Amino acid sequence: GLKDPFIHTLDLSGNPRITDKGITKHFAPFATKWPNIHRLKLYRCNVGSEAAKALAQWAAGGYVRELHLCDLKNKLSNDAVWELLQGISSRGMYPYSSGKHYVP
């Protein structure tokens, strides 16, 4: 497992009150300003495509190590997944096993 003492997990899983609106209006702007959350668990929440798109900028910053988006209550479109992945890859900051937060 990860031995980094500064790994922060935010587990919101199984919470139907977590919605696309909450992620886009509150969490994504917060996480972009304070990006030290390395593991976000949103599975079985009431989120979908809009939340995934909103998380792209934060995830592209290179701090995210795990993003759990399975069994979502709202539809996660192929376009939203593509936009999330495109956003992450475009900045070249995805964390690698070297511990550096940039593409070597």
PDB file of N, CA and C in Angstrom:
ATOM      1  N   GLY A   1       0.807  -1.188   0.000  1.00  0.00           N
ATOM      2  CA  GLY A   1       0.000   0.000   0.000  1.00  0.00           C
ATOM      3  C   GLY A   1       0.854   1.257   0.000  1.00  0.00           C
ATOM      4  N   LEU A   2       0.198   2.353  -0.030  1.00  0.00           N
ATOM      5  CA  LEU A   2       0.882   3.643  -0.017  1.00  0.00           C
ATOM      6  C   LEU A   2       1.348   3.966   1.388  1.00  0.00           C
ATOM      7  N   LYS A   3       2.579   4.405   1.533  1.00  0.00           N
ATOM      8  CA  LYS A   3       3.127   4.697   2.848  1.00  0.00           C
ATOM      9  C   LYS A   3       3.286   6.190   3.081  1.00  0.00           C
ATOM     10  N   ASP A   4       2.757   6.975   2.209  1.00  0.00           N
ATOM     11  CA  ASP A   4       2.832   8.434   2.312  1.00  0.00           C
ATOM     12  C   ASP A   4       1.964   8.898   3.483  1.00  0.00           C
ATOM     13  N   PRO A   5       2.532   9.576   4.480  1.00  0.00           N
ATOM     14  CA  PRO A   5       1.744  10.002   5.638  1.00  0.00           C
ATOM     15  C   PRO A   5       0.753  11.115   5.306  1.00  0.00           C
ATOM     16  N   PHE A   6       0.846  11.666   4.119  1.00  0.00           N
ATOM     17  CA  PHE A   6      -0.032  12.766   3.758  1.00  0.00           C
ATOM     18  C   PHE A   6      -1.104  12.371   2.751  1.00  0.00           C
ATOM     19  N   ILE A   7      -1.404  11.077   2.697  1.00  0.00           N
ATOM     20  CA  ILE A   7      -2.484  10.614   1.839  1.00  0.00           C
ATOM     21  C   ILE A   7      -3.789  10.918   2.546  1.00  0.00           C
ATOM     22  N   HIS A   8      -4.618  11.698   1.897  1.00  0.00           N
ATOM     23  CA  HIS A   8      -5.900  12.063   2.472  1.00  0.00           C
ATOM     24  C   HIS A   8      -7.004  11.399   1.667  1.00  0.00           C
ATOM     25  N   THR A   9      -7.879  10.716   2.366  1.00  0.00           N
ATOM     26  CA  THR A   9      -9.003  10.043   1.738  1.00  0.00           C
ATOM     27  C   THR A   9     -10.282  10.748   2.131  1.00  0.00           C
ATOM     28  N   LEU A  10     -11.120  10.978   1.142  1.00  0.00           N
ATOM     29  CA  LEU A  10     -12.455  11.492   1.395  1.00  0.00           C
ATOM     30  C   LEU A  10     -13.420  10.444   0.864  1.00  0.00           C
ATOM     31  N   ASP A  11     -14.066   9.748   1.787  1.00  0.00           N
ATOM     32  CA  ASP A  11     -14.977   8.672   1.430  1.00  0.00           C
ATOM     33  C   ASP A  11     -16.411   9.161   1.575  1.00  0.00           C
ATOM     34  N   LEU A  12     -17.029   9.478   0.458  1.00  0.00           N
ATOM     35  CA  LEU A  12     -18.418   9.926   0.430  1.00  0.00           C
ATOM     36  C   LEU A  12     -19.325   8.836  -0.118  1.00  0.00           C
ATOM     37  N   SER A  13     -18.804   7.636  -0.265  1.00  0.00           N
ATOM     38  CA  SER A  13     -19.524   6.549  -0.915  1.00  0.00           C
ATOM     39  C   SER A  13     -20.824   6.198  -0.206  1.00  0.00           C
ATOM     40  N   GLY A  14     -21.772   5.753  -1.022  1.00  0.00           N
ATOM     41  CA  GLY A  14     -23.055   5.301  -0.498  1.00  0.00           C
ATOM     42  C   GLY A  14     -23.951   6.413   0.012  1.00  0.00           C
ATOM     43  N   ASN A  15     -23.653   7.644  -0.343  1.00  0.00           N
ATOM     44  CA  ASN A  15     -24.431   8.777   0.151  1.00  0.00           C
ATOM     45  C   ASN A  15     -25.282   9.352  -0.985  1.00  0.00           C
ATOM     46  N   PRO A  16     -26.588   9.060  -1.003  1.00  0.00           N
ATOM     47  CA  PRO A  16     -27.439   9.545  -2.095  1.00  0.00           C
ATOM     48  C   PRO A  16     -27.635  11.059  -2.090  1.00  0.00           C
ATOM     49  N   ARG A  17     -27.237  11.739  -1.028  1.00  0.00           N
ATOM     50  CA  ARG A  17     -27.372  13.197  -0.991  1.00  0.00           C
ATOM     51  C   ARG A  17     -26.205  13.913  -1.659  1.00  0.00           C
ATOM     52  N   ILE A  18     -25.181  13.165  -2.036  1.00  0.00           N
ATOM     53  CA  ILE A  18     -24.078  13.733  -2.811  1.00  0.00           C
ATOM     54  C   ILE A  18     -24.515  13.718  -4.271  1.00  0.00           C
ATOM     55  N   THR A  19     -24.634  14.891  -4.871  1.00  0.00           N
ATOM     56  CA  THR A  19     -25.174  15.013  -6.227  1.00  0.00           C
ATOM     57  C   THR A  19     -24.182  15.701  -7.166  1.00  0.00           C
ATOM     58  N   ASP A  20     -24.528  15.700  -8.448  1.00  0.00           N
ATOM     59  CA  ASP A  20     -23.730  16.431  -9.432  1.00  0.00           C
ATOM     60  C   ASP A  20     -23.608  17.894  -9.020  1.00  0.00           C
ATOM     61  N   LYS A  21     -24.699  18.480  -8.603  1.00  0.00           N
ATOM     62  CA  LYS A  21     -24.697  19.888  -8.213  1.00  0.00           C
ATOM     63  C   LYS A  21     -23.740  20.131  -7.042  1.00  0.00           C
ATOM     64  N   GLY A  22     -23.752  19.256  -6.057  1.00  0.00           N
ATOM     65  CA  GLY A  22     -22.856  19.410  -4.915  1.00  0.00           C
ATOM     66  C   GLY A  22     -21.393  19.293  -5.297  1.00  0.00           C
ATOM     67  N   ILE A  23     -21.096  18.360  -6.187  1.00  0.00           N
ATOM     68  CA  ILE A  23     -19.708  18.185  -6.636  1.00  0.00           C
ATOM     69  C   ILE A  23     -19.273  19.387  -7.474  1.00  0.00           C
ATOM     70  N   THR A  24     -20.124  19.828  -8.412  1.00  0.00           N
ATOM     71  CA  THR A  24     -19.727  20.918  -9.302  1.00  0.00           C
ATOM     72  C   THR A  24     -19.671  22.274  -8.598  1.00  0.00           C
ATOM     73  N   LYS A  25     -20.604  22.527  -7.685  1.00  0.00           N
ATOM     74  CA  LYS A  25     -20.655  23.847  -7.037  1.00  0.00           C
ATOM     75  C   LYS A  25     -19.789  23.949  -5.790  1.00  0.00           C
ATOM     76  N   HIS A  26     -19.558  22.822  -5.108  1.00  0.00           N
ATOM     77  CA  HIS A  26     -18.864  22.893  -3.827  1.00  0.00           C
ATOM     78  C   HIS A  26     -17.547  22.119  -3.794  1.00  0.00           C
ATOM     79  N   PHE A  27     -17.598  20.828  -4.089  1.00  0.00           N
ATOM     80  CA  PHE A  27     -16.386  20.029  -3.927  1.00  0.00           C
ATOM     81  C   PHE A  27     -15.300  20.377  -4.947  1.00  0.00           C
ATOM     82  N   ALA A  28     -15.634  20.399  -6.233  1.00  0.00           N
ATOM     83  CA  ALA A  28     -14.604  20.630  -7.258  1.00  0.00           C
ATOM     84  C   ALA A  28     -13.871  21.959  -7.064  1.00  0.00           C
ATOM     85  N   PRO A  29     -14.573  23.074  -6.816  1.00  0.00           N
ATOM     86  CA  PRO A  29     -13.829  24.316  -6.568  1.00  0.00           C
ATOM     87  C   PRO A  29     -12.964  24.243  -5.306  1.00  0.00           C
ATOM     88  N   PHE A  30     -13.476  23.616  -4.257  1.00  0.00           N
ATOM     89  CA  PHE A  30     -12.701  23.453  -3.031  1.00  0.00           C
ATOM     90  C   PHE A  30     -11.449  22.619  -3.286  1.00  0.00           C
ATOM     91  N   ALA A  31     -11.619  21.471  -3.945  1.00  0.00           N
ATOM     92  CA  ALA A  31     -10.495  20.556  -4.174  1.00  0.00           C
ATOM     93  C   ALA A  31      -9.450  21.162  -5.110  1.00  0.00           C
ATOM     94  N   THR A  32      -9.877  22.018  -6.014  1.00  0.00           N
ATOM     95  CA  THR A  32      -8.928  22.674  -6.903  1.00  0.00           C
ATOM     96  C   THR A  32      -8.037  23.646  -6.126  1.00  0.00           C
ATOM     97  N   LYS A  33      -8.603  24.277  -5.108  1.00  0.00           N
ATOM     98  CA  LYS A  33      -7.826  25.214  -4.283  1.00  0.00           C
ATOM     99  C   LYS A  33      -7.025  24.502  -3.199  1.00  0.00           C
ATOM    100  N   TRP A  34      -7.539  23.375  -2.703  1.00  0.00           N
ATOM    101  CA  TRP A  34      -6.855  22.587  -1.679  1.00  0.00           C
ATOM    102  C   TRP A  34      -6.784  21.152  -2.195  1.00  0.00           C
ATOM    103  N   PRO A  35      -5.793  20.867  -3.043  1.00  0.00           N
ATOM    104  CA  PRO A  35      -5.782  19.611  -3.795  1.00  0.00           C
ATOM    105  C   PRO A  35      -5.231  18.394  -3.053  1.00  0.00           C
ATOM    106  N   ASN A  36      -5.012  18.477  -1.772  1.00  0.00           N
ATOM    107  CA  ASN A  36      -4.334  17.391  -1.062  1.00  0.00           C
ATOM    108  C   ASN A  36      -5.179  16.161  -0.792  1.00  0.00           C
ATOM    109  N   ILE A  37      -6.323  16.075  -1.383  1.00  0.00           N
ATOM    110  CA  ILE A  37      -7.114  14.846  -1.291  1.00  0.00           C
ATOM    111  C   ILE A  37      -6.604  13.929  -2.386  1.00  0.00           C
ATOM    112  N   HIS A  38      -6.086  12.792  -1.976  1.00  0.00           N
ATOM    113  CA  HIS A  38      -5.484  11.874  -2.934  1.00  0.00           C
ATOM    114  C   HIS A  38      -6.414  10.737  -3.321  1.00  0.00           C
ATOM    115  N   ARG A  39      -7.411  10.514  -2.535  1.00  0.00           N
ATOM    116  CA  ARG A  39      -8.325   9.398  -2.780  1.00  0.00           C
ATOM    117  C   ARG A  39      -9.747   9.901  -2.537  1.00  0.00           C
ATOM    118  N   LEU A  40     -10.572   9.878  -3.579  1.00  0.00           N
ATOM    119  CA  LEU A  40     -11.968  10.309  -3.469  1.00  0.00           C
ATOM    120  C   LEU A  40     -12.857   9.135  -3.836  1.00  0.00           C
ATOM    121  N   LYS A  41     -13.743   8.791  -2.928  1.00  0.00           N
ATOM    122  CA  LYS A  41     -14.659   7.677  -3.146  1.00  0.00           C
ATOM    123  C   LYS A  41     -16.078   8.218  -3.284  1.00  0.00           C
ATOM    124  N   LEU A  42     -16.609   8.094  -4.496  1.00  0.00           N
ATOM    125  CA  LEU A  42     -17.959   8.571  -4.782  1.00  0.00           C
ATOM    126  C   LEU A  42     -18.885   7.446  -5.230  1.00  0.00           C
ATOM    127  N   TYR A  43     -18.436   6.202  -5.105  1.00  0.00           N
ATOM    128  CA  TYR A  43     -19.292   5.122  -5.591  1.00  0.00           C
ATOM    129  C   TYR A  43     -20.595   5.046  -4.793  1.00  0.00           C
ATOM    130  N   ARG A  44     -21.638   4.687  -5.529  1.00  0.00           N
ATOM    131  CA  ARG A  44     -23.007   4.603  -5.003  1.00  0.00           C
ATOM    132  C   ARG A  44     -23.534   5.957  -4.523  1.00  0.00           C
ATOM    133  N   CYS A  45     -23.020   7.038  -5.088  1.00  0.00           N
ATOM    134  CA  CYS A  45     -23.558   8.376  -4.815  1.00  0.00           C
ATOM    135  C   CYS A  45     -24.476   8.773  -5.966  1.00  0.00           C
ATOM    136  N   ASN A  46     -25.165   9.859  -5.791  1.00  0.00           N
ATOM    137  CA  ASN A  46     -26.134  10.329  -6.776  1.00  0.00           C
ATOM    138  C   ASN A  46     -25.459  11.297  -7.746  1.00  0.00           C
ATOM    139  N   VAL A  47     -24.325  10.888  -8.282  1.00  0.00           N
ATOM    140  CA  VAL A  47     -23.569  11.717  -9.215  1.00  0.00           C
ATOM    141  C   VAL A  47     -23.437  11.011 -10.557  1.00  0.00           C
ATOM    142  N   GLY A  48     -23.024  11.757 -11.567  1.00  0.00           N
ATOM    143  CA  GLY A  48     -22.863  11.193 -12.902  1.00  0.00           C
ATOM    144  C   GLY A  48     -21.936  12.044 -13.735  1.00  0.00           C
ATOM    145  N   SER A  49     -22.355  12.313 -14.961  1.00  0.00           N
ATOM    146  CA  SER A  49     -21.517  12.989 -15.948  1.00  0.00           C
ATOM    147  C   SER A  49     -21.060  14.378 -15.526  1.00  0.00           C
ATOM    148  N   GLU A  50     -21.947  15.169 -14.980  1.00  0.00           N
ATOM    149  CA  GLU A  50     -21.576  16.532 -14.602  1.00  0.00           C
ATOM    150  C   GLU A  50     -20.501  16.547 -13.521  1.00  0.00           C
ATOM    151  N   ALA A  51     -20.607  15.655 -12.561  1.00  0.00           N
ATOM    152  CA  ALA A  51     -19.589  15.570 -11.511  1.00  0.00           C
ATOM    153  C   ALA A  51     -18.248  15.146 -12.100  1.00  0.00           C
ATOM    154  N   ALA A  52     -18.258  14.152 -12.976  1.00  0.00           N
ATOM    155  CA  ALA A  52     -17.012  13.681 -13.587  1.00  0.00           C
ATOM    156  C   ALA A  52     -16.324  14.805 -14.350  1.00  0.00           C
ATOM    157  N   LYS A  53     -17.092  15.562 -15.115  1.00  0.00           N
ATOM    158  CA  LYS A  53     -16.517  16.684 -15.860  1.00  0.00           C
ATOM    159  C   LYS A  53     -15.942  17.737 -14.912  1.00  0.00           C
ATOM    160  N   ALA A  54     -16.644  18.000 -13.821  1.00  0.00           N
ATOM    161  CA  ALA A  54     -16.195  19.013 -12.859  1.00  0.00           C
ATOM    162  C   ALA A  54     -14.916  18.597 -12.144  1.00  0.00           C
ATOM    163  N   LEU A  55     -14.689  17.305 -12.009  1.00  0.00           N
ATOM    164  CA  LEU A  55     -13.504  16.808 -11.303  1.00  0.00           C
ATOM    165  C   LEU A  55     -12.244  16.813 -12.166  1.00  0.00           C
ATOM    166  N   ALA A  56     -12.384  17.063 -13.458  1.00  0.00           N
ATOM    167  CA  ALA A  56     -11.246  16.969 -14.375  1.00  0.00           C
ATOM    168  C   ALA A  56     -10.099  17.902 -13.998  1.00  0.00           C
ATOM    169  N   GLN A  57     -10.379  19.147 -13.711  1.00  0.00           N
ATOM    170  CA  GLN A  57      -9.302  20.105 -13.397  1.00  0.00           C
ATOM    171  C   GLN A  57      -8.559  19.689 -12.137  1.00  0.00           C
ATOM    172  N   TRP A  58      -9.286  19.286 -11.109  1.00  0.00           N
ATOM    173  CA  TRP A  58      -8.657  18.843  -9.867  1.00  0.00           C
ATOM    174  C   TRP A  58      -7.820  17.589 -10.114  1.00  0.00           C
ATOM    175  N   ALA A  59      -8.387  16.618 -10.806  1.00  0.00           N
ATOM    176  CA  ALA A  59      -7.666  15.371 -11.062  1.00  0.00           C
ATOM    177  C   ALA A  59      -6.429  15.598 -11.922  1.00  0.00           C
ATOM    178  N   ALA A  60      -6.494  16.576 -12.812  1.00  0.00           N
ATOM    179  CA  ALA A  60      -5.363  16.855 -13.696  1.00  0.00           C
ATOM    180  C   ALA A  60      -4.186  17.485 -12.965  1.00  0.00           C
ATOM    181  N   GLY A  61      -4.383  17.939 -11.743  1.00  0.00           N
ATOM    182  CA  GLY A  61      -3.316  18.589 -10.988  1.00  0.00           C
ATOM    183  C   GLY A  61      -2.234  17.651 -10.494  1.00  0.00           C
ATOM    184  N   GLY A  62      -2.437  16.348 -10.599  1.00  0.00           N
ATOM    185  CA  GLY A  62      -1.397  15.395 -10.250  1.00  0.00           C
ATOM    186  C   GLY A  62      -1.440  14.865  -8.833  1.00  0.00           C
ATOM    187  N   TYR A  63      -2.412  15.270  -8.041  1.00  0.00           N
ATOM    188  CA  TYR A  63      -2.483  14.795  -6.664  1.00  0.00           C
ATOM    189  C   TYR A  63      -3.342  13.548  -6.508  1.00  0.00           C
ATOM    190  N   VAL A  64      -4.295  13.380  -7.377  1.00  0.00           N
ATOM    191  CA  VAL A  64      -5.241  12.273  -7.261  1.00  0.00           C
ATOM    192  C   VAL A  64      -4.540  10.956  -7.557  1.00  0.00           C
ATOM    193  N   ARG A  65      -4.720  10.028  -6.657  1.00  0.00           N
ATOM    194  CA  ARG A  65      -4.185   8.678  -6.880  1.00  0.00           C
ATOM    195  C   ARG A  65      -5.302   7.681  -7.113  1.00  0.00           C
ATOM    196  N   GLU A  66      -6.446   7.944  -6.534  1.00  0.00           N
ATOM    197  CA  GLU A  66      -7.597   7.057  -6.718  1.00  0.00           C
ATOM    198  C   GLU A  66      -8.863   7.893  -6.802  1.00  0.00           C
ATOM    199  N   LEU A  67      -9.690   7.571  -7.781  1.00  0.00           N
ATOM    200  CA  LEU A  67     -10.977   8.219  -7.955  1.00  0.00           C
ATOM    201  C   LEU A  67     -11.990   7.120  -8.213  1.00  0.00           C
ATOM    202  N   HIS A  68     -12.839   6.864  -7.238  1.00  0.00           N
ATOM    203  CA  HIS A  68     -13.806   5.763  -7.306  1.00  0.00           C
ATOM    204  C   HIS A  68     -15.138   6.292  -7.822  1.00  0.00           C
ATOM    205  N   LEU A  69     -15.497   5.878  -9.033  1.00  0.00           N
ATOM    206  CA  LEU A  69     -16.726   6.342  -9.666  1.00  0.00           C
ATOM    207  C   LEU A  69     -17.579   5.171 -10.159  1.00  0.00           C
ATOM    208  N   CYS A  70     -17.639   4.085  -9.425  1.00  0.00           N
ATOM    209  CA  CYS A  70     -18.432   2.946  -9.873  1.00  0.00           C
ATOM    210  C   CYS A  70     -19.806   2.935  -9.190  1.00  0.00           C
ATOM    211  N   ASP A  71     -20.745   2.251  -9.800  1.00  0.00           N
ATOM    212  CA  ASP A  71     -22.105   2.094  -9.269  1.00  0.00           C
ATOM    213  C   ASP A  71     -22.769   3.428  -8.955  1.00  0.00           C
ATOM    214  N   LEU A  72     -22.557   4.406  -9.838  1.00  0.00           N
ATOM    215  CA  LEU A  72     -23.149   5.723  -9.631  1.00  0.00           C
ATOM    216  C   LEU A  72     -24.645   5.673  -9.918  1.00  0.00           C
ATOM    217  N   LYS A  73     -25.404   6.493  -9.210  1.00  0.00           N
ATOM    218  CA  LYS A  73     -26.856   6.512  -9.365  1.00  0.00           C
ATOM    219  C   LYS A  73     -27.289   7.283 -10.606  1.00  0.00           C
ATOM    220  N   ASN A  74     -26.502   8.258 -11.043  1.00  0.00           N
ATOM    221  CA  ASN A  74     -26.780   8.981 -12.282  1.00  0.00           C
ATOM    222  C   ASN A  74     -25.916   8.409 -13.387  1.00  0.00           C
ATOM    223  N   LYS A  75     -26.336   8.630 -14.610  1.00  0.00           N
ATOM    224  CA  LYS A  75     -25.612   8.088 -15.753  1.00  0.00           C
ATOM    225  C   LYS A  75     -24.286   8.806 -15.950  1.00  0.00           C
ATOM    226  N   LEU A  76     -23.269   8.022 -16.181  1.00  0.00           N
ATOM    227  CA  LEU A  76     -21.944   8.542 -16.504  1.00  0.00           C
ATOM    228  C   LEU A  76     -21.727   8.252 -17.986  1.00  0.00           C
ATOM    229  N   SER A  77     -21.818   9.288 -18.799  1.00  0.00           N
ATOM    230  CA  SER A  77     -21.734   9.106 -20.252  1.00  0.00           C
ATOM    231  C   SER A  77     -20.303   8.843 -20.695  1.00  0.00           C
ATOM    232  N   ASN A  78     -20.201   8.244 -21.866  1.00  0.00           N
ATOM    233  CA  ASN A  78     -18.882   8.020 -22.459  1.00  0.00           C
ATOM    234  C   ASN A  78     -18.174   9.348 -22.692  1.00  0.00           C
ATOM    235  N   ASP A  79     -18.924  10.366 -23.107  1.00  0.00           N
ATOM    236  CA  ASP A  79     -18.342  11.689 -23.346  1.00  0.00           C
ATOM    237  C   ASP A  79     -17.763  12.281 -22.066  1.00  0.00           C
ATOM    238  N   ALA A  80     -18.459  12.100 -20.947  1.00  0.00           N
ATOM    239  CA  ALA A  80     -17.970  12.631 -19.672  1.00  0.00           C
ATOM    240  C   ALA A  80     -16.693  11.922 -19.239  1.00  0.00           C
ATOM    241  N   VAL A  81     -16.649  10.614 -19.422  1.00  0.00           N
ATOM    242  CA  VAL A  81     -15.437   9.854 -19.084  1.00  0.00           C
ATOM    243  C   VAL A  81     -14.287  10.317 -19.975  1.00  0.00           C
ATOM    244  N   TRP A  82     -14.563  10.480 -21.266  1.00  0.00           N
ATOM    245  CA  TRP A  82     -13.540  10.941 -22.198  1.00  0.00           C
ATOM    246  C   TRP A  82     -13.037  12.329 -21.812  1.00  0.00           C
ATOM    247  N   GLU A  83     -13.948  13.233 -21.451  1.00  0.00           N
ATOM    248  CA  GLU A  83     -13.559  14.582 -21.054  1.00  0.00           C
ATOM    249  C   GLU A  83     -12.705  14.565 -19.788  1.00  0.00           C
ATOM    250  N   LEU A  84     -13.062  13.713 -18.848  1.00  0.00           N
ATOM    251  CA  LEU A  84     -12.273  13.570 -17.617  1.00  0.00           C
ATOM    252  C   LEU A  84     -10.868  13.074 -17.954  1.00  0.00           C
ATOM    253  N   LEU A  85     -10.771  12.035 -18.756  1.00  0.00           N
ATOM    254  CA  LEU A  85      -9.458  11.478 -19.112  1.00  0.00           C
ATOM    255  C   LEU A  85      -8.638  12.450 -19.946  1.00  0.00           C
ATOM    256  N   GLN A  86      -9.288  13.145 -20.860  1.00  0.00           N
ATOM    257  CA  GLN A  86      -8.594  14.148 -21.673  1.00  0.00           C
ATOM    258  C   GLN A  86      -8.039  15.266 -20.787  1.00  0.00           C
ATOM    259  N   GLY A  87      -8.856  15.718 -19.835  1.00  0.00           N
ATOM    260  CA  GLY A  87      -8.416  16.766 -18.920  1.00  0.00           C
ATOM    261  C   GLY A  87      -7.213  16.348 -18.103  1.00  0.00           C
ATOM    262  N   ILE A  88      -7.229  15.106 -17.643  1.00  0.00           N
ATOM    263  CA  ILE A  88      -6.113  14.601 -16.844  1.00  0.00           C
ATOM    264  C   ILE A  88      -4.853  14.486 -17.694  1.00  0.00           C
ATOM    265  N   SER A  89      -4.972  13.890 -18.860  1.00  0.00           N
ATOM    266  CA  SER A  89      -3.780  13.654 -19.674  1.00  0.00           C
ATOM    267  C   SER A  89      -3.213  14.932 -20.285  1.00  0.00           C
ATOM    268  N   SER A  90      -4.043  15.935 -20.502  1.00  0.00           N
ATOM    269  CA  SER A  90      -3.572  17.146 -21.173  1.00  0.00           C
ATOM    270  C   SER A  90      -2.531  17.913 -20.360  1.00  0.00           C
ATOM    271  N   ARG A  91      -2.568  17.784 -19.050  1.00  0.00           N
ATOM    272  CA  ARG A  91      -1.608  18.523 -18.218  1.00  0.00           C
ATOM    273  C   ARG A  91      -0.356  17.722 -17.910  1.00  0.00           C
ATOM    274  N   GLY A  92      -0.362  16.405 -18.151  1.00  0.00           N
ATOM    275  CA  GLY A  92       0.820  15.585 -17.923  1.00  0.00           C
ATOM    276  C   GLY A  92       1.272  15.529 -16.479  1.00  0.00           C
ATOM    277  N   MET A  93       0.337  15.657 -15.558  1.00  0.00           N
ATOM    278  CA  MET A  93       0.682  15.705 -14.140  1.00  0.00           C
ATOM    279  C   MET A  93       0.219  14.487 -13.356  1.00  0.00           C
ATOM    280  N   TYR A  94      -0.295  13.472 -14.032  1.00  0.00           N
ATOM    281  CA  TYR A  94      -0.820  12.321 -13.307  1.00  0.00           C
ATOM    282  C   TYR A  94       0.296  11.695 -12.483  1.00  0.00           C
ATOM    283  N   PRO A  95       0.052  11.358 -11.227  1.00  0.00           N
ATOM    284  CA  PRO A  95       1.138  10.814 -10.376  1.00  0.00           C
ATOM    285  C   PRO A  95       1.593   9.431 -10.826  1.00  0.00           C
ATOM    286  N   TYR A  96       2.874   9.236 -10.780  1.00  0.00           N
ATOM    287  CA  TYR A  96       3.465   7.959 -11.127  1.00  0.00           C
ATOM    288  C   TYR A  96       4.183   7.384  -9.928  1.00  0.00           C
ATOM    289  N   SER A  97       4.566   6.131 -10.011  1.00  0.00           N
ATOM    290  CA  SER A  97       5.164   5.429  -8.879  1.00  0.00           C
ATOM    291  C   SER A  97       6.459   6.062  -8.394  1.00  0.00           C
ATOM    292  N   SER A  98       7.046   6.932  -9.187  1.00  0.00           N
ATOM    293  CA  SER A  98       8.286   7.595  -8.773  1.00  0.00           C
ATOM    294  C   SER A  98       8.027   8.568  -7.613  1.00  0.00           C
ATOM    295  N   GLY A  99       6.733   8.841  -7.371  1.00  0.00           N
ATOM    296  CA  GLY A  99       6.401   9.786  -6.305  1.00  0.00           C
ATOM    297  C   GLY A  99       6.403  11.225  -6.774  1.00  0.00           C
ATOM    298  N   LYS A 100       6.887  11.440  -7.978  1.00  0.00           N
ATOM    299  CA  LYS A 100       6.889  12.791  -8.542  1.00  0.00           C
ATOM    300  C   LYS A 100       5.510  13.049  -9.129  1.00  0.00           C
ATOM    301  N   HIS A 101       5.059  14.253  -9.004  1.00  0.00           N
ATOM    302  CA  HIS A 101       3.728  14.565  -9.505  1.00  0.00           C
ATOM    303  C   HIS A 101       3.788  15.165 -10.907  1.00  0.00           C
ATOM    304  N   TYR A 102       4.549  14.546 -11.786  1.00  0.00           N
ATOM    305  CA  TYR A 102       4.607  14.957 -13.172  1.00  0.00           C
ATOM    306  C   TYR A 102       5.094  13.777 -13.991  1.00  0.00           C
ATOM    307  N   VAL A 103       4.865  13.834 -15.272  1.00  0.00           N
ATOM    308  CA  VAL A 103       5.305  12.769 -16.161  1.00  0.00           C
ATOM    309  C   VAL A 103       6.820  12.881 -16.301  1.00  0.00           C
ATOM    310  N   PRO A 104       7.547  11.808 -15.991  1.00  0.00           N
ATOM    311  CA  PRO A 104       9.016  11.866 -16.072  1.00  0.00           C
ATOM    312  C   PRO A 104       9.518  12.023 -17.499  1.00  0.00           C
TER     313      PRO A 104
END
